[in-house]
Amino acid sequence: MSSIAPGLSTGVYRWEEGHDTADMVGGMGNEYGSSAADAGGTATERDDDARRGDAAWHALPRRVTRVWTADAVIESLIVWAVCGAVAAIGMAYDWWGAWPWPAIALGLVVAYGVAGLAAQPLRNRYAYAFSRFSIGERDLRIRKGWLFRSTTVVPFNRIQHVDARQNPVLRHYGLTAVTVHTAVGAHTIEALDTAEAERVTDLITRRVARSREDL
């Protein structure tokens, strides 16, 4: 019988042979196994989910928008620092001579970064409104994006292991990302409250184990 053993320091849950999982994952609540009539998603989506018997869509914590903003600021600062270093070195060694195009290109990169930061509140608004996840009986579903949106369905019997991880920005806001790995890639719930991330990781782990027992 397949079962799950938690990684000691990486937050990774892997499936191994010959161990009992009841003590580790027993006692999980049914919050994510509730019917689609619960909160989350539009009325049409809830009706569709109810017909399929799937769980409702759940929103991410509102603090995830602060994470997105912080990430955008950090990325812009890195790009601007690189542009500044290139400009300084180019001027010091007279790489460009009379050609204005490198300076124009650097200026456009900086302007693009400024425009991106200015648009970040709009991005946060639409991305937060669309970003959802749903843990059903047979699969995990993740929606993300704002201009270009995607919905990913990951069957539990395809999942190999689950990560619960934090980078410094997530840790600052008390959030944790949960990632499921399959043979062809990884799919991430971008941010959950840390305690909630542990419960979600355990629930996904339990349902993956059950899906393997049903094979």
N, C-alpha and C. Protein backbone atom coordinates (compact mmCIF):
# COMPACT_ATOMS: atom_id res chain seq x y z
N MET A 1 0.85 -1.20 0.00
CA MET A 1 0.00 0.00 0.00
C MET A 1 0.88 1.23 0.00
N SER A 2 0.53 2.21 -0.83
CA SER A 2 1.32 3.44 -0.89
C SER A 2 1.00 4.30 0.30
N SER A 3 1.99 5.07 0.73
CA SER A 3 1.78 5.99 1.84
C SER A 3 2.73 7.15 1.70
N ILE A 4 2.67 8.05 2.65
CA ILE A 4 3.39 9.31 2.54
C ILE A 4 4.31 9.48 3.72
N ALA A 5 5.53 9.92 3.47
CA ALA A 5 6.46 10.24 4.55
C ALA A 5 6.92 11.66 4.39
N PRO A 6 6.84 12.52 5.42
CA PRO A 6 7.22 13.92 5.27
C PRO A 6 8.72 14.09 5.25
N GLY A 7 9.22 15.01 4.39
CA GLY A 7 10.62 15.36 4.40
C GLY A 7 10.98 16.02 5.72
N LEU A 8 12.19 15.81 6.23
CA LEU A 8 12.55 16.29 7.55
C LEU A 8 12.76 17.78 7.60
N SER A 9 13.38 18.36 6.56
CA SER A 9 13.73 19.77 6.64
C SER A 9 13.26 20.59 5.46
N THR A 10 12.80 19.95 4.40
CA THR A 10 12.47 20.71 3.19
C THR A 10 10.99 20.97 3.05
N GLY A 11 10.16 20.40 3.90
CA GLY A 11 8.73 20.57 3.73
C GLY A 11 8.17 19.76 2.58
N VAL A 12 8.89 18.73 2.13
CA VAL A 12 8.47 17.93 1.00
C VAL A 12 7.79 16.66 1.49
N TYR A 13 6.65 16.33 0.92
CA TYR A 13 5.95 15.10 1.25
C TYR A 13 6.09 14.16 0.07
N ARG A 14 6.66 12.97 0.30
CA ARG A 14 6.90 12.02 -0.78
C ARG A 14 6.16 10.72 -0.51
N TRP A 15 5.87 10.00 -1.58
CA TRP A 15 5.15 8.75 -1.46
C TRP A 15 6.12 7.59 -1.48
N GLU A 16 6.07 6.77 -0.43
CA GLU A 16 6.96 5.63 -0.31
C GLU A 16 6.13 4.38 -0.03
N GLU A 17 6.76 3.25 -0.13
CA GLU A 17 6.07 1.99 0.07
C GLU A 17 6.24 1.49 1.50
N GLY A 18 5.16 0.85 2.02
CA GLY A 18 5.29 0.07 3.24
C GLY A 18 5.15 0.82 4.54
N HIS A 19 4.55 2.03 4.55
CA HIS A 19 4.36 2.77 5.80
C HIS A 19 2.89 3.13 5.95
N ASP A 20 2.44 3.16 7.19
CA ASP A 20 1.05 3.50 7.47
C ASP A 20 0.92 5.00 7.59
N THR A 21 -0.09 5.59 6.95
CA THR A 21 -0.24 7.05 6.94
C THR A 21 -1.33 7.53 7.88
N ALA A 22 -2.05 6.64 8.53
CA ALA A 22 -3.23 7.07 9.28
C ALA A 22 -2.89 8.04 10.38
N ASP A 23 -1.79 7.79 11.11
CA ASP A 23 -1.45 8.66 12.23
C ASP A 23 -1.03 10.04 11.76
N MET A 24 -0.36 10.09 10.59
CA MET A 24 0.19 11.36 10.15
C MET A 24 -0.87 12.29 9.58
N VAL A 25 -1.78 11.76 8.78
CA VAL A 25 -2.72 12.63 8.08
C VAL A 25 -4.14 12.48 8.59
N GLY A 26 -4.36 11.67 9.60
CA GLY A 26 -5.71 11.51 10.12
C GLY A 26 -6.18 12.76 10.82
N GLY A 27 -7.50 12.91 10.92
CA GLY A 27 -8.06 14.02 11.67
C GLY A 27 -8.16 15.31 10.91
N MET A 28 -7.89 15.29 9.59
CA MET A 28 -8.01 16.52 8.82
C MET A 28 -9.47 16.94 8.74
N GLY A 29 -9.69 18.25 8.79
CA GLY A 29 -11.04 18.76 8.64
C GLY A 29 -11.53 18.63 7.22
N ASN A 30 -12.80 18.93 7.01
CA ASN A 30 -13.40 18.77 5.69
C ASN A 30 -13.66 20.12 5.04
N GLU A 31 -12.91 21.14 5.45
CA GLU A 31 -13.17 22.49 4.94
C GLU A 31 -13.08 22.55 3.42
N TYR A 32 -12.07 21.87 2.84
CA TYR A 32 -11.88 21.93 1.40
C TYR A 32 -12.63 20.83 0.67
N GLY A 33 -13.28 19.97 1.41
CA GLY A 33 -14.07 18.94 0.76
C GLY A 33 -15.54 19.29 0.75
N SER A 34 -15.88 20.51 1.14
CA SER A 34 -17.27 20.92 1.19
C SER A 34 -17.82 21.10 -0.20
N SER A 35 -19.12 21.23 -0.29
CA SER A 35 -19.75 21.33 -1.59
C SER A 35 -19.49 22.68 -2.22
N ALA A 36 -19.77 22.76 -3.52
CA ALA A 36 -19.52 23.99 -4.26
C ALA A 36 -20.50 25.09 -3.89
N ALA A 37 -21.47 24.80 -3.06
CA ALA A 37 -22.38 25.86 -2.62
C ALA A 37 -21.71 26.80 -1.64
N ASP A 38 -20.51 26.43 -1.13
CA ASP A 38 -19.79 27.30 -0.23
C ASP A 38 -19.27 28.51 -1.00
N ALA A 39 -18.61 29.43 -0.26
CA ALA A 39 -18.12 30.66 -0.88
C ALA A 39 -17.06 30.36 -1.91
N GLY A 40 -16.99 31.25 -2.93
CA GLY A 40 -15.94 31.15 -3.93
C GLY A 40 -16.50 30.92 -5.31
N GLY A 41 -16.02 31.72 -6.29
CA GLY A 41 -16.44 31.55 -7.66
C GLY A 41 -17.77 32.23 -7.95
N THR A 42 -18.09 32.34 -9.24
CA THR A 42 -19.35 32.93 -9.64
C THR A 42 -20.48 31.94 -9.43
N ALA A 43 -21.72 32.43 -9.59
CA ALA A 43 -22.87 31.54 -9.42
C ALA A 43 -22.83 30.41 -10.43
N THR A 44 -22.44 30.73 -11.68
CA THR A 44 -22.36 29.69 -12.71
C THR A 44 -21.32 28.65 -12.36
N GLU A 45 -20.14 29.11 -11.87
CA GLU A 45 -19.09 28.17 -11.48
C GLU A 45 -19.55 27.30 -10.34
N ARG A 46 -20.25 27.88 -9.36
CA ARG A 46 -20.71 27.09 -8.23
C ARG A 46 -21.73 26.05 -8.68
N ASP A 47 -22.61 26.43 -9.62
CA ASP A 47 -23.58 25.46 -10.14
C ASP A 47 -22.88 24.32 -10.86
N ASP A 48 -21.88 24.67 -11.69
CA ASP A 48 -21.14 23.63 -12.41
C ASP A 48 -20.42 22.71 -11.45
N ASP A 49 -19.79 23.30 -10.42
CA ASP A 49 -19.08 22.48 -9.44
C ASP A 49 -20.04 21.59 -8.67
N ALA A 50 -21.21 22.11 -8.35
CA ALA A 50 -22.18 21.32 -7.61
C ALA A 50 -22.62 20.10 -8.42
N ARG A 51 -22.81 20.29 -9.74
CA ARG A 51 -23.20 19.16 -10.57
C ARG A 51 -22.11 18.11 -10.62
N ARG A 52 -20.83 18.55 -10.57
CA ARG A 52 -19.73 17.60 -10.60
C ARG A 52 -19.43 17.03 -9.22
N GLY A 53 -19.97 17.64 -8.17
CA GLY A 53 -19.66 17.21 -6.81
C GLY A 53 -18.31 17.68 -6.34
N ASP A 54 -17.78 18.76 -6.94
CA ASP A 54 -16.46 19.24 -6.59
C ASP A 54 -16.53 20.30 -5.50
N ALA A 55 -15.36 20.58 -4.91
CA ALA A 55 -15.27 21.60 -3.87
C ALA A 55 -15.33 22.99 -4.47
N ALA A 56 -15.56 23.98 -3.61
CA ALA A 56 -15.66 25.36 -4.06
C ALA A 56 -14.29 25.93 -4.37
N TRP A 57 -14.29 27.05 -5.10
CA TRP A 57 -13.07 27.81 -5.31
C TRP A 57 -12.78 28.64 -4.06
N HIS A 58 -11.51 28.68 -3.66
CA HIS A 58 -11.11 29.43 -2.47
C HIS A 58 -10.14 30.54 -2.86
N ALA A 59 -10.33 31.71 -2.27
CA ALA A 59 -9.47 32.86 -2.54
C ALA A 59 -8.17 32.75 -1.75
N LEU A 60 -7.14 33.43 -2.23
CA LEU A 60 -5.89 33.54 -1.50
C LEU A 60 -6.02 34.63 -0.44
N PRO A 61 -5.16 34.64 0.57
CA PRO A 61 -5.18 35.73 1.55
C PRO A 61 -4.93 37.07 0.85
N ARG A 62 -5.59 38.11 1.31
CA ARG A 62 -5.44 39.43 0.70
C ARG A 62 -3.98 39.90 0.73
N ARG A 63 -3.20 39.43 1.70
CA ARG A 63 -1.81 39.87 1.82
C ARG A 63 -0.95 39.45 0.63
N VAL A 64 -1.46 38.54 -0.19
CA VAL A 64 -0.67 38.12 -1.35
C VAL A 64 -0.43 39.30 -2.29
N THR A 65 -1.32 40.29 -2.30
CA THR A 65 -1.10 41.45 -3.17
C THR A 65 0.12 42.24 -2.73
N ARG A 66 0.40 42.25 -1.42
CA ARG A 66 1.61 42.91 -0.93
C ARG A 66 2.85 42.14 -1.38
N VAL A 67 2.74 40.82 -1.41
CA VAL A 67 3.86 40.00 -1.89
C VAL A 67 4.12 40.30 -3.36
N TRP A 68 3.06 40.36 -4.17
CA TRP A 68 3.24 40.67 -5.59
C TRP A 68 3.89 42.03 -5.78
N THR A 69 3.46 43.02 -4.99
CA THR A 69 4.04 44.36 -5.10
C THR A 69 5.51 44.35 -4.70
N ALA A 70 5.82 43.68 -3.59
CA ALA A 70 7.21 43.61 -3.14
C ALA A 70 8.08 42.92 -4.18
N ASP A 71 7.58 41.83 -4.77
CA ASP A 71 8.35 41.13 -5.80
C ASP A 71 8.61 42.03 -7.00
N ALA A 72 7.59 42.80 -7.40
CA ALA A 72 7.75 43.70 -8.54
C ALA A 72 8.78 44.79 -8.24
N VAL A 73 8.75 45.33 -7.03
CA VAL A 73 9.72 46.36 -6.65
C VAL A 73 11.14 45.79 -6.65
N ILE A 74 11.30 44.60 -6.08
CA ILE A 74 12.63 43.98 -6.03
C ILE A 74 13.16 43.72 -7.44
N GLU A 75 12.30 43.18 -8.31
CA GLU A 75 12.73 42.91 -9.69
C GLU A 75 13.12 44.20 -10.40
N SER A 76 12.34 45.27 -10.20
CA SER A 76 12.65 46.54 -10.85
C SER A 76 13.96 47.12 -10.33
N LEU A 77 14.18 47.03 -9.03
CA LEU A 77 15.43 47.54 -8.46
C LEU A 77 16.64 46.80 -9.01
N ILE A 78 16.50 45.49 -9.17
CA ILE A 78 17.61 44.71 -9.73
C ILE A 78 17.89 45.13 -11.17
N VAL A 79 16.83 45.28 -11.96
CA VAL A 79 17.00 45.69 -13.36
C VAL A 79 17.62 47.08 -13.44
N TRP A 80 17.13 48.01 -12.61
CA TRP A 80 17.68 49.36 -12.63
C TRP A 80 19.14 49.37 -12.19
N ALA A 81 19.48 48.56 -11.21
CA ALA A 81 20.88 48.50 -10.76
C ALA A 81 21.78 47.99 -11.87
N VAL A 82 21.33 46.97 -12.59
CA VAL A 82 22.12 46.45 -13.71
C VAL A 82 22.26 47.51 -14.80
N CYS A 83 21.15 48.18 -15.12
CA CYS A 83 21.21 49.23 -16.14
C CYS A 83 22.15 50.36 -15.72
N GLY A 84 22.08 50.74 -14.45
CA GLY A 84 22.97 51.79 -13.97
C GLY A 84 24.43 51.39 -14.05
N ALA A 85 24.71 50.12 -13.70
CA ALA A 85 26.09 49.64 -13.76
C ALA A 85 26.59 49.62 -15.21
N VAL A 86 25.75 49.14 -16.13
CA VAL A 86 26.14 49.11 -17.54
C VAL A 86 26.37 50.52 -18.06
N ALA A 87 25.49 51.45 -17.70
CA ALA A 87 25.65 52.83 -18.16
C ALA A 87 26.93 53.45 -17.62
N ALA A 88 27.22 53.21 -16.33
CA ALA A 88 28.42 53.79 -15.73
C ALA A 88 29.68 53.23 -16.37
N ILE A 89 29.71 51.91 -16.58
CA ILE A 89 30.89 51.30 -17.20
C ILE A 89 31.05 51.78 -18.65
N GLY A 90 29.91 51.86 -19.36
CA GLY A 90 29.98 52.32 -20.75
C GLY A 90 30.50 53.73 -20.87
N MET A 91 30.07 54.61 -19.96
CA MET A 91 30.56 55.99 -19.99
C MET A 91 32.03 56.06 -19.59
N ALA A 92 32.43 55.24 -18.62
CA ALA A 92 33.82 55.28 -18.15
C ALA A 92 34.79 54.83 -19.23
N TYR A 93 34.39 53.84 -20.02
CA TYR A 93 35.28 53.30 -21.05
C TYR A 93 34.93 53.78 -22.45
N ASP A 94 33.98 54.70 -22.54
CA ASP A 94 33.58 55.29 -23.82
C ASP A 94 33.22 54.21 -24.84
N TRP A 95 32.41 53.23 -24.39
CA TRP A 95 32.02 52.15 -25.28
C TRP A 95 31.13 52.63 -26.42
N TRP A 96 30.31 53.61 -26.15
CA TRP A 96 29.27 53.96 -27.11
C TRP A 96 29.69 55.06 -28.07
N GLY A 97 30.66 55.84 -27.68
CA GLY A 97 31.08 56.94 -28.55
C GLY A 97 29.93 57.90 -28.80
N ALA A 98 29.69 58.18 -30.07
CA ALA A 98 28.62 59.12 -30.42
C ALA A 98 27.28 58.43 -30.64
N TRP A 99 27.24 57.11 -30.48
CA TRP A 99 25.99 56.39 -30.72
C TRP A 99 25.04 56.57 -29.55
N PRO A 100 23.82 57.08 -29.80
CA PRO A 100 22.88 57.30 -28.69
C PRO A 100 22.02 56.08 -28.37
N TRP A 101 22.05 55.06 -29.24
CA TRP A 101 21.09 53.97 -29.09
C TRP A 101 21.23 53.19 -27.78
N PRO A 102 22.43 52.89 -27.31
CA PRO A 102 22.50 52.18 -26.02
C PRO A 102 21.86 52.97 -24.88
N ALA A 103 22.09 54.28 -24.86
CA ALA A 103 21.49 55.10 -23.81
C ALA A 103 19.97 55.12 -23.93
N ILE A 104 19.49 55.17 -25.17
CA ILE A 104 18.04 55.15 -25.39
C ILE A 104 17.46 53.82 -24.92
N ALA A 105 18.16 52.72 -25.24
CA ALA A 105 17.68 51.40 -24.83
C ALA A 105 17.61 51.28 -23.32
N LEU A 106 18.65 51.76 -22.63
CA LEU A 106 18.64 51.72 -21.17
C LEU A 106 17.51 52.57 -20.61
N GLY A 107 17.29 53.74 -21.23
CA GLY A 107 16.21 54.60 -20.78
C GLY A 107 14.85 53.94 -20.94
N LEU A 108 14.67 53.20 -22.04
CA LEU A 108 13.40 52.50 -22.26
C LEU A 108 13.19 51.39 -21.23
N VAL A 109 14.28 50.70 -20.88
CA VAL A 109 14.16 49.65 -19.86
C VAL A 109 13.73 50.24 -18.53
N VAL A 110 14.35 51.36 -18.16
CA VAL A 110 13.98 52.01 -16.90
C VAL A 110 12.54 52.50 -16.95
N ALA A 111 12.14 53.09 -18.08
CA ALA A 111 10.77 53.58 -18.22
C ALA A 111 9.77 52.44 -18.15
N TYR A 112 10.13 51.30 -18.74
CA TYR A 112 9.25 50.12 -18.68
C TYR A 112 9.06 49.67 -17.23
N GLY A 113 10.15 49.68 -16.46
CA GLY A 113 10.04 49.30 -15.06
C GLY A 113 9.16 50.25 -14.27
N VAL A 114 9.29 51.55 -14.53
CA VAL A 114 8.45 52.54 -13.84
C VAL A 114 6.98 52.33 -14.20
N ALA A 115 6.72 52.10 -15.50
CA ALA A 115 5.34 51.87 -15.93
C ALA A 115 4.77 50.61 -15.29
N GLY A 116 5.61 49.57 -15.17
CA GLY A 116 5.15 48.34 -14.54
C GLY A 116 4.77 48.54 -13.09
N LEU A 117 5.57 49.31 -12.36
CA LEU A 117 5.24 49.59 -10.96
C LEU A 117 3.98 50.43 -10.85
N ALA A 118 3.82 51.39 -11.78
CA ALA A 118 2.62 52.22 -11.75
C ALA A 118 1.36 51.39 -12.00
N ALA A 119 1.50 50.35 -12.83
CA ALA A 119 0.35 49.50 -13.14
C ALA A 119 0.15 48.37 -12.13
N GLN A 120 1.05 48.24 -11.17
CA GLN A 120 0.97 47.13 -10.23
C GLN A 120 -0.34 47.08 -9.44
N PRO A 121 -0.86 48.21 -8.95
CA PRO A 121 -2.15 48.13 -8.24
C PRO A 121 -3.27 47.56 -9.11
N LEU A 122 -3.28 47.91 -10.40
CA LEU A 122 -4.30 47.37 -11.30
C LEU A 122 -4.09 45.87 -11.49
N ARG A 123 -2.83 45.47 -11.67
CA ARG A 123 -2.53 44.05 -11.80
C ARG A 123 -2.96 43.29 -10.55
N ASN A 124 -2.64 43.85 -9.38
CA ASN A 124 -3.02 43.19 -8.13
C ASN A 124 -4.52 42.99 -8.05
N ARG A 125 -5.26 44.01 -8.44
CA ARG A 125 -6.72 43.94 -8.33
C ARG A 125 -7.29 42.81 -9.17
N TYR A 126 -6.88 42.73 -10.44
CA TYR A 126 -7.45 41.72 -11.32
C TYR A 126 -6.87 40.34 -11.04
N ALA A 127 -5.58 40.27 -10.71
CA ALA A 127 -4.99 38.97 -10.41
C ALA A 127 -5.60 38.38 -9.14
N TYR A 128 -5.83 39.22 -8.14
CA TYR A 128 -6.41 38.72 -6.90
C TYR A 128 -7.85 38.25 -7.13
N ALA A 129 -8.60 38.98 -7.95
CA ALA A 129 -9.98 38.60 -8.21
C ALA A 129 -10.08 37.25 -8.92
N PHE A 130 -9.07 36.92 -9.74
CA PHE A 130 -9.13 35.68 -10.52
C PHE A 130 -8.43 34.52 -9.83
N SER A 131 -7.39 34.79 -9.06
CA SER A 131 -6.58 33.72 -8.48
C SER A 131 -7.39 32.95 -7.43
N ARG A 132 -7.55 31.67 -7.67
CA ARG A 132 -8.32 30.80 -6.79
C ARG A 132 -7.71 29.40 -6.82
N PHE A 133 -8.09 28.57 -5.84
CA PHE A 133 -7.74 27.16 -5.90
C PHE A 133 -8.90 26.35 -5.36
N SER A 134 -8.97 25.11 -5.79
CA SER A 134 -10.06 24.22 -5.39
C SER A 134 -9.49 22.82 -5.19
N ILE A 135 -9.79 22.23 -4.05
CA ILE A 135 -9.34 20.86 -3.76
C ILE A 135 -10.56 19.96 -3.79
N GLY A 136 -10.70 19.21 -4.87
CA GLY A 136 -11.83 18.31 -5.02
C GLY A 136 -11.50 16.91 -4.53
N GLU A 137 -12.38 15.98 -4.85
CA GLU A 137 -12.15 14.59 -4.46
C GLU A 137 -11.14 13.91 -5.38
N ARG A 138 -11.01 14.41 -6.62
CA ARG A 138 -10.17 13.74 -7.60
C ARG A 138 -8.99 14.58 -8.07
N ASP A 139 -9.05 15.90 -7.85
CA ASP A 139 -7.99 16.73 -8.42
C ASP A 139 -7.87 18.06 -7.67
N LEU A 140 -6.75 18.72 -7.93
CA LEU A 140 -6.49 20.07 -7.46
C LEU A 140 -6.60 21.00 -8.66
N ARG A 141 -7.30 22.12 -8.48
CA ARG A 141 -7.44 23.10 -9.55
C ARG A 141 -6.89 24.44 -9.09
N ILE A 142 -6.13 25.07 -9.98
CA ILE A 142 -5.48 26.35 -9.66
C ILE A 142 -5.75 27.33 -10.79
N ARG A 143 -6.25 28.51 -10.43
CA ARG A 143 -6.45 29.59 -11.40
C ARG A 143 -5.50 30.73 -11.06
N LYS A 144 -4.90 31.33 -12.08
CA LYS A 144 -4.01 32.47 -11.86
C LYS A 144 -3.91 33.30 -13.13
N GLY A 145 -3.36 34.52 -12.96
CA GLY A 145 -3.17 35.41 -14.09
C GLY A 145 -4.04 36.65 -13.97
N TRP A 146 -3.79 37.62 -14.85
CA TRP A 146 -4.67 38.79 -14.90
C TRP A 146 -4.98 39.14 -16.35
N LEU A 147 -3.99 39.54 -17.17
CA LEU A 147 -4.26 39.73 -18.59
C LEU A 147 -4.38 38.38 -19.28
N PHE A 148 -3.41 37.52 -19.04
CA PHE A 148 -3.43 36.17 -19.58
C PHE A 148 -3.70 35.22 -18.42
N ARG A 149 -4.85 34.57 -18.46
CA ARG A 149 -5.31 33.75 -17.34
C ARG A 149 -5.26 32.28 -17.69
N SER A 150 -5.06 31.47 -16.68
CA SER A 150 -5.00 30.03 -16.90
C SER A 150 -5.68 29.30 -15.75
N THR A 151 -6.27 28.16 -16.06
CA THR A 151 -6.82 27.26 -15.07
C THR A 151 -6.16 25.90 -15.26
N THR A 152 -5.52 25.41 -14.22
CA THR A 152 -4.79 24.14 -14.28
C THR A 152 -5.49 23.10 -13.42
N VAL A 153 -5.71 21.93 -13.98
CA VAL A 153 -6.31 20.81 -13.26
C VAL A 153 -5.24 19.74 -13.08
N VAL A 154 -4.94 19.39 -11.83
CA VAL A 154 -3.91 18.40 -11.53
C VAL A 154 -4.57 17.20 -10.85
N PRO A 155 -4.74 16.07 -11.54
CA PRO A 155 -5.31 14.88 -10.89
C PRO A 155 -4.41 14.41 -9.75
N PHE A 156 -5.02 13.98 -8.67
CA PHE A 156 -4.23 13.55 -7.52
C PHE A 156 -3.35 12.35 -7.84
N ASN A 157 -3.80 11.47 -8.74
CA ASN A 157 -2.99 10.28 -9.02
C ASN A 157 -1.77 10.60 -9.89
N ARG A 158 -1.62 11.87 -10.32
CA ARG A 158 -0.43 12.28 -11.07
C ARG A 158 0.59 12.99 -10.18
N ILE A 159 0.21 13.32 -8.96
CA ILE A 159 1.10 14.09 -8.08
C ILE A 159 2.14 13.17 -7.45
N GLN A 160 3.41 13.60 -7.48
CA GLN A 160 4.50 12.82 -6.91
C GLN A 160 4.88 13.28 -5.51
N HIS A 161 4.94 14.59 -5.31
CA HIS A 161 5.18 15.10 -3.96
C HIS A 161 4.69 16.54 -3.86
N VAL A 162 4.62 17.02 -2.62
CA VAL A 162 4.08 18.34 -2.31
C VAL A 162 5.10 19.12 -1.50
N ASP A 163 5.33 20.38 -1.90
CA ASP A 163 6.23 21.28 -1.17
C ASP A 163 5.43 22.36 -0.46
N ALA A 164 5.83 22.70 0.75
CA ALA A 164 5.33 23.90 1.43
C ALA A 164 6.55 24.75 1.75
N ARG A 165 6.71 25.87 1.06
CA ARG A 165 7.95 26.64 1.14
C ARG A 165 7.68 28.13 1.32
N GLN A 166 8.69 28.82 1.88
CA GLN A 166 8.66 30.27 2.05
C GLN A 166 9.94 30.88 1.50
N ASN A 167 9.80 32.01 0.80
CA ASN A 167 10.96 32.85 0.55
C ASN A 167 10.92 34.00 1.55
N PRO A 168 11.92 34.87 1.60
CA PRO A 168 11.92 35.93 2.61
C PRO A 168 10.69 36.84 2.57
N VAL A 169 10.18 37.14 1.37
CA VAL A 169 9.01 38.02 1.27
C VAL A 169 7.77 37.33 1.84
N LEU A 170 7.56 36.08 1.45
CA LEU A 170 6.41 35.34 2.00
C LEU A 170 6.52 35.22 3.51
N ARG A 171 7.71 34.93 4.01
CA ARG A 171 7.89 34.78 5.45
C ARG A 171 7.59 36.08 6.18
N HIS A 172 7.97 37.21 5.58
CA HIS A 172 7.70 38.51 6.20
C HIS A 172 6.20 38.74 6.40
N TYR A 173 5.40 38.25 5.46
CA TYR A 173 3.95 38.45 5.55
C TYR A 173 3.23 37.25 6.16
N GLY A 174 3.96 36.29 6.70
CA GLY A 174 3.34 35.14 7.34
C GLY A 174 2.62 34.23 6.38
N LEU A 175 3.14 34.10 5.16
CA LEU A 175 2.51 33.29 4.13
C LEU A 175 3.43 32.16 3.68
N THR A 176 2.84 31.15 3.09
CA THR A 176 3.59 29.99 2.59
C THR A 176 3.00 29.57 1.26
N ALA A 177 3.86 29.22 0.31
CA ALA A 177 3.41 28.70 -0.98
C ALA A 177 3.37 27.18 -0.93
N VAL A 178 2.36 26.60 -1.56
CA VAL A 178 2.22 25.15 -1.63
C VAL A 178 2.34 24.74 -3.10
N THR A 179 3.30 23.85 -3.39
CA THR A 179 3.55 23.42 -4.76
C THR A 179 3.38 21.92 -4.87
N VAL A 180 2.65 21.48 -5.88
CA VAL A 180 2.54 20.05 -6.18
C VAL A 180 3.38 19.75 -7.41
N HIS A 181 4.08 18.62 -7.37
CA HIS A 181 4.97 18.23 -8.45
C HIS A 181 4.45 16.98 -9.14
N THR A 182 4.44 17.01 -10.47
CA THR A 182 4.11 15.83 -11.26
C THR A 182 5.32 15.47 -12.10
N ALA A 183 5.19 14.44 -12.91
CA ALA A 183 6.31 14.02 -13.74
C ALA A 183 6.67 15.05 -14.80
N VAL A 184 5.73 15.94 -15.13
CA VAL A 184 5.97 16.88 -16.22
C VAL A 184 6.10 18.33 -15.76
N GLY A 185 5.96 18.60 -14.47
CA GLY A 185 6.09 19.99 -14.03
C GLY A 185 5.59 20.20 -12.62
N ALA A 186 5.52 21.48 -12.24
CA ALA A 186 5.08 21.86 -10.90
C ALA A 186 3.99 22.92 -11.00
N HIS A 187 3.08 22.91 -10.03
CA HIS A 187 1.96 23.85 -10.00
C HIS A 187 1.82 24.37 -8.58
N THR A 188 1.66 25.69 -8.45
CA THR A 188 1.78 26.33 -7.14
C THR A 188 0.53 27.10 -6.75
N ILE A 189 0.07 26.89 -5.52
CA ILE A 189 -0.85 27.81 -4.85
C ILE A 189 0.05 28.89 -4.26
N GLU A 190 -0.03 30.10 -4.76
CA GLU A 190 1.02 31.09 -4.53
C GLU A 190 1.21 31.49 -3.08
N ALA A 191 0.15 31.55 -2.30
CA ALA A 191 0.30 32.00 -0.92
C ALA A 191 -0.90 31.61 -0.09
N LEU A 192 -0.63 31.04 1.07
CA LEU A 192 -1.65 30.75 2.07
C LEU A 192 -1.09 31.13 3.43
N ASP A 193 -1.97 31.41 4.40
CA ASP A 193 -1.49 31.55 5.76
C ASP A 193 -0.71 30.29 6.12
N THR A 194 0.36 30.44 6.88
CA THR A 194 1.26 29.32 7.12
C THR A 194 0.55 28.11 7.73
N ALA A 195 -0.30 28.35 8.72
CA ALA A 195 -1.04 27.24 9.33
C ALA A 195 -1.98 26.60 8.31
N GLU A 196 -2.61 27.43 7.48
CA GLU A 196 -3.51 26.91 6.45
C GLU A 196 -2.74 26.11 5.41
N ALA A 197 -1.53 26.56 5.08
CA ALA A 197 -0.71 25.83 4.11
C ALA A 197 -0.39 24.43 4.62
N GLU A 198 -0.15 24.30 5.91
CA GLU A 198 0.12 22.97 6.48
C GLU A 198 -1.11 22.08 6.35
N ARG A 199 -2.29 22.64 6.62
CA ARG A 199 -3.52 21.85 6.50
C ARG A 199 -3.78 21.44 5.05
N VAL A 200 -3.55 22.38 4.12
CA VAL A 200 -3.76 22.08 2.71
C VAL A 200 -2.78 21.02 2.24
N THR A 201 -1.53 21.13 2.67
CA THR A 201 -0.52 20.13 2.30
C THR A 201 -0.93 18.75 2.80
N ASP A 202 -1.38 18.68 4.05
CA ASP A 202 -1.81 17.39 4.60
C ASP A 202 -3.02 16.84 3.85
N LEU A 203 -3.97 17.72 3.51
CA LEU A 203 -5.17 17.27 2.82
C LEU A 203 -4.83 16.74 1.42
N ILE A 204 -4.00 17.48 0.69
CA ILE A 204 -3.60 17.01 -0.64
C ILE A 204 -2.86 15.68 -0.52
N THR A 205 -1.96 15.60 0.46
CA THR A 205 -1.21 14.36 0.68
C THR A 205 -2.14 13.19 0.94
N ARG A 206 -3.15 13.43 1.76
CA ARG A 206 -4.10 12.36 2.09
C ARG A 206 -4.89 11.92 0.86
N ARG A 207 -5.31 12.88 0.06
CA ARG A 207 -6.12 12.52 -1.11
C ARG A 207 -5.28 11.87 -2.21
N VAL A 208 -4.02 12.25 -2.30
CA VAL A 208 -3.13 11.56 -3.24
C VAL A 208 -2.96 10.11 -2.82
N ALA A 209 -2.75 9.88 -1.52
CA ALA A 209 -2.60 8.51 -1.04
C ALA A 209 -3.85 7.69 -1.32
N ARG A 210 -5.02 8.29 -1.11
CA ARG A 210 -6.26 7.57 -1.36
C ARG A 210 -6.44 7.27 -2.84
N SER A 211 -6.04 8.23 -3.71
CA SER A 211 -6.18 8.00 -5.14
C SER A 211 -5.28 6.86 -5.60
N ARG A 212 -4.13 6.71 -4.97
CA ARG A 212 -3.22 5.62 -5.34
C ARG A 212 -3.75 4.28 -4.84
N GLU A 213 -4.40 4.29 -3.69
CA GLU A 213 -4.97 3.05 -3.18
C GLU A 213 -6.12 2.57 -4.06
N ASP A 214 -6.80 3.52 -4.73
CA ASP A 214 -7.95 3.17 -5.56
C ASP A 214 -7.55 2.63 -6.93
N LEU A 215 -6.26 2.78 -7.29
CA LEU A 215 -5.82 2.32 -8.61
C LEU A 215 -5.86 0.79 -8.70
